[in-house]
Amino acid sequence: MIGIETALIQLGRLVVRPAVTRWLGERRKRAERELPLAELINRRVTDEFARRKVEREIETMVDAVAERLQPLLATRFAGVPDHERDAALAKATRRSEGTTGPPIQTRTPRRA
């Protein structure tokens, strides 16, 4: 089940990241709204403790979305073989991110 939880967390990120990005960039120029989430956090939150708090809050939202998706997955995919379910989740995650590689993490790089 660890693979399922990982996929659900990735799907949660796909839901939360655009919402937080839009919220952080709402009053900014269009170019800034399209910046990666990590960069928006670095620009809007300059205090390291506040930045870490924002990162934890984002991860809490990601977990909440993943936890809400878990029962849906259990009921909707109940009759689907595990390998097919896993493949569908992996494809949905990659497709939603517009990539074929691994999902992008929400962690922001540490400033020196």
C-alpha atoms as a PDB file:
ATOM      1  CA  MET A   1       0.000   0.000   0.000  1.00  0.00           C
ATOM      2  CA  ILE A   2       2.968   2.352   0.290  1.00  0.00           C
ATOM      3  CA  GLY A   3       2.918   2.840  -3.475  1.00  0.00           C
ATOM      4  CA  ILE A   4      -0.761   3.818  -3.317  1.00  0.00           C
ATOM      5  CA  GLU A   5      -0.163   6.317  -0.533  1.00  0.00           C
ATOM      6  CA  THR A   6       2.697   7.849  -2.497  1.00  0.00           C
ATOM      7  CA  ALA A   7       0.504   8.163  -5.580  1.00  0.00           C
ATOM      8  CA  LEU A   8      -2.297   9.716  -3.535  1.00  0.00           C
ATOM      9  CA  ILE A   9       0.121  12.247  -2.045  1.00  0.00           C
ATOM     10  CA  GLN A  10       1.336  13.109  -5.544  1.00  0.00           C
ATOM     11  CA  LEU A  11      -2.257  13.613  -6.678  1.00  0.00           C
ATOM     12  CA  GLY A  12      -2.838  15.753  -3.603  1.00  0.00           C
ATOM     13  CA  ARG A  13       0.083  17.937  -4.641  1.00  0.00           C
ATOM     14  CA  LEU A  14      -1.497  18.305  -8.069  1.00  0.00           C
ATOM     15  CA  VAL A  15      -4.594  19.731  -6.418  1.00  0.00           C
ATOM     16  CA  VAL A  16      -2.928  21.918  -3.805  1.00  0.00           C
ATOM     17  CA  ARG A  17       0.015  23.402  -5.728  1.00  0.00           C
ATOM     18  CA  PRO A  18      -2.045  25.323  -8.320  1.00  0.00           C
ATOM     19  CA  ALA A  19      -4.360  26.667  -5.602  1.00  0.00           C
ATOM     20  CA  VAL A  20      -1.497  27.904  -3.438  1.00  0.00           C
ATOM     21  CA  THR A  21       0.372  29.272  -6.451  1.00  0.00           C
ATOM     22  CA  ARG A  22      -2.687  31.244  -7.478  1.00  0.00           C
ATOM     23  CA  TRP A  23      -3.198  32.493  -3.942  1.00  0.00           C
ATOM     24  CA  LEU A  24       0.424  33.608  -3.584  1.00  0.00           C
ATOM     25  CA  GLY A  25       0.511  35.226  -7.009  1.00  0.00           C
ATOM     26  CA  GLU A  26      -2.969  36.745  -6.961  1.00  0.00           C
ATOM     27  CA  ARG A  27      -1.854  40.353  -6.714  1.00  0.00           C
ATOM     28  CA  ARG A  28       1.353  39.938  -8.664  1.00  0.00           C
ATOM     29  CA  LYS A  29       2.056  40.483 -12.298  1.00  0.00           C
ATOM     30  CA  ARG A  30       1.125  37.658 -14.634  1.00  0.00           C
ATOM     31  CA  ALA A  31       4.778  36.673 -15.068  1.00  0.00           C
ATOM     32  CA  GLU A  32       5.138  36.203 -11.327  1.00  0.00           C
ATOM     33  CA  ARG A  33       1.896  34.195 -11.099  1.00  0.00           C
ATOM     34  CA  GLU A  34       3.414  31.669 -13.455  1.00  0.00           C
ATOM     35  CA  LEU A  35       6.554  31.212 -11.362  1.00  0.00           C
ATOM     36  CA  PRO A  36       7.101  27.887  -9.619  1.00  0.00           C
ATOM     37  CA  LEU A  37       5.542  27.632  -6.182  1.00  0.00           C
ATOM     38  CA  ALA A  38       8.928  27.466  -4.449  1.00  0.00           C
ATOM     39  CA  GLU A  39       9.989  30.764  -6.021  1.00  0.00           C
ATOM     40  CA  LEU A  40       6.709  32.466  -5.072  1.00  0.00           C
ATOM     41  CA  ILE A  41       7.179  31.349  -1.476  1.00  0.00           C
ATOM     42  CA  ASN A  42      10.754  32.668  -1.472  1.00  0.00           C
ATOM     43  CA  ARG A  43       9.564  36.049  -2.809  1.00  0.00           C
ATOM     44  CA  ARG A  44       6.552  36.439  -0.523  1.00  0.00           C
ATOM     45  CA  VAL A  45       7.902  34.917   2.704  1.00  0.00           C
ATOM     46  CA  THR A  46      11.335  36.150   3.692  1.00  0.00           C
ATOM     47  CA  ASP A  47      11.559  34.843   7.259  1.00  0.00           C
ATOM     48  CA  GLU A  48      12.949  31.273   7.418  1.00  0.00           C
ATOM     49  CA  PHE A  49      10.578  30.200  10.205  1.00  0.00           C
ATOM     50  CA  ALA A  50       7.558  31.565   8.335  1.00  0.00           C
ATOM     51  CA  ARG A  51       8.747  29.860   5.125  1.00  0.00           C
ATOM     52  CA  ARG A  52       9.043  26.519   6.902  1.00  0.00           C
ATOM     53  CA  LYS A  53       5.561  27.015   8.379  1.00  0.00           C
ATOM     54  CA  VAL A  54       4.110  27.706   4.917  1.00  0.00           C
ATOM     55  CA  GLU A  55       5.820  24.569   3.564  1.00  0.00           C
ATOM     56  CA  ARG A  56       4.349  22.478   6.400  1.00  0.00           C
ATOM     57  CA  GLU A  57       0.889  23.948   5.831  1.00  0.00           C
ATOM     58  CA  ILE A  58       1.108  23.101   2.131  1.00  0.00           C
ATOM     59  CA  GLU A  59       2.143  19.538   2.965  1.00  0.00           C
ATOM     60  CA  THR A  60      -0.776  19.322   5.441  1.00  0.00           C
ATOM     61  CA  MET A  61      -3.158  20.325   2.648  1.00  0.00           C
ATOM     62  CA  VAL A  62      -1.549  17.752   0.328  1.00  0.00           C
ATOM     63  CA  ASP A  63      -2.053  15.054   2.978  1.00  0.00           C
ATOM     64  CA  ALA A  64      -5.691  16.086   3.491  1.00  0.00           C
ATOM     65  CA  VAL A  65      -6.409  15.767  -0.232  1.00  0.00           C
ATOM     66  CA  ALA A  66      -4.622  12.405  -0.397  1.00  0.00           C
ATOM     67  CA  GLU A  67      -6.562  11.112   2.623  1.00  0.00           C
ATOM     68  CA  ARG A  68      -9.845  12.133   1.004  1.00  0.00           C
ATOM     69  CA  LEU A  69      -8.886  10.397  -2.235  1.00  0.00           C
ATOM     70  CA  GLN A  70      -7.963   7.133  -0.497  1.00  0.00           C
ATOM     71  CA  PRO A  71     -11.546   5.887   0.169  1.00  0.00           C
ATOM     72  CA  LEU A  72     -12.572   6.853  -3.351  1.00  0.00           C
ATOM     73  CA  LEU A  73      -9.679   4.843  -4.727  1.00  0.00           C
ATOM     74  CA  ALA A  74     -10.618   1.869  -2.565  1.00  0.00           C
ATOM     75  CA  THR A  75     -14.217   1.828  -3.822  1.00  0.00           C
ATOM     76  CA  ARG A  76     -13.740   2.829  -7.467  1.00  0.00           C
ATOM     77  CA  PHE A  77     -10.760   0.543  -8.076  1.00  0.00           C
ATOM     78  CA  ALA A  78     -11.977  -2.358  -5.922  1.00  0.00           C
ATOM     79  CA  GLY A  79     -12.331  -4.768  -8.847  1.00  0.00           C
ATOM     80  CA  VAL A  80      -9.234  -3.599 -10.725  1.00  0.00           C
ATOM     81  CA  PRO A  81      -6.000  -5.603 -10.408  1.00  0.00           C
ATOM     82  CA  ASP A  82      -3.342  -3.830  -8.339  1.00  0.00           C
ATOM     83  CA  HIS A  83      -0.897  -3.460 -11.243  1.00  0.00           C
ATOM     84  CA  GLU A  84      -3.564  -1.790 -13.407  1.00  0.00           C
ATOM     85  CA  ARG A  85      -4.604   0.540 -10.591  1.00  0.00           C
ATOM     86  CA  ASP A  86      -0.970   1.488  -9.970  1.00  0.00           C
ATOM     87  CA  ALA A  87      -0.383   2.122 -13.666  1.00  0.00           C
ATOM     88  CA  ALA A  88      -3.489   4.322 -13.884  1.00  0.00           C
ATOM     89  CA  LEU A  89      -2.400   6.373 -10.869  1.00  0.00           C
ATOM     90  CA  ALA A  90       1.109   6.774 -12.218  1.00  0.00           C
ATOM     91  CA  LYS A  91      -0.204   7.894 -15.594  1.00  0.00           C
ATOM     92  CA  ALA A  92      -2.688  10.335 -14.046  1.00  0.00           C
ATOM     93  CA  THR A  93       0.036  11.879 -11.917  1.00  0.00           C
ATOM     94  CA  ARG A  94       2.492  12.267 -14.801  1.00  0.00           C
ATOM     95  CA  ARG A  95      -0.158  13.488 -17.229  1.00  0.00           C
ATOM     96  CA  SER A  96      -1.548  16.084 -14.832  1.00  0.00           C
ATOM     97  CA  GLU A  97       1.934  17.459 -14.286  1.00  0.00           C
ATOM     98  CA  GLY A  98       2.576  17.576 -18.009  1.00  0.00           C
ATOM     99  CA  THR A  99       5.652  15.385 -17.643  1.00  0.00           C
ATOM    100  CA  THR A 100       6.651  11.800 -18.060  1.00  0.00           C
ATOM    101  CA  GLY A 101       9.245  11.937 -15.289  1.00  0.00           C
ATOM    102  CA  PRO A 102       8.894  11.793 -11.521  1.00  0.00           C
ATOM    103  CA  PRO A 103       6.561  14.252  -9.772  1.00  0.00           C
ATOM    104  CA  ILE A 104       7.855  17.671  -8.747  1.00  0.00           C
ATOM    105  CA  GLN A 105       8.235  18.189  -5.011  1.00  0.00           C
ATOM    106  CA  THR A 106       6.862  21.239  -3.176  1.00  0.00           C
ATOM    107  CA  ARG A 107       9.902  21.746  -0.993  1.00  0.00           C
ATOM    108  CA  THR A 108      11.599  25.099  -1.507  1.00  0.00           C
ATOM    109  CA  PRO A 109      15.369  25.323  -1.830  1.00  0.00           C
ATOM    110  CA  ARG A 110      17.105  26.694   1.260  1.00  0.00           C
ATOM    111  CA  ARG A 111      18.609  30.147   0.970  1.00  0.00           C
ATOM    112  CA  ALA A 112      22.240  30.489   1.854  1.00  0.00           C
END
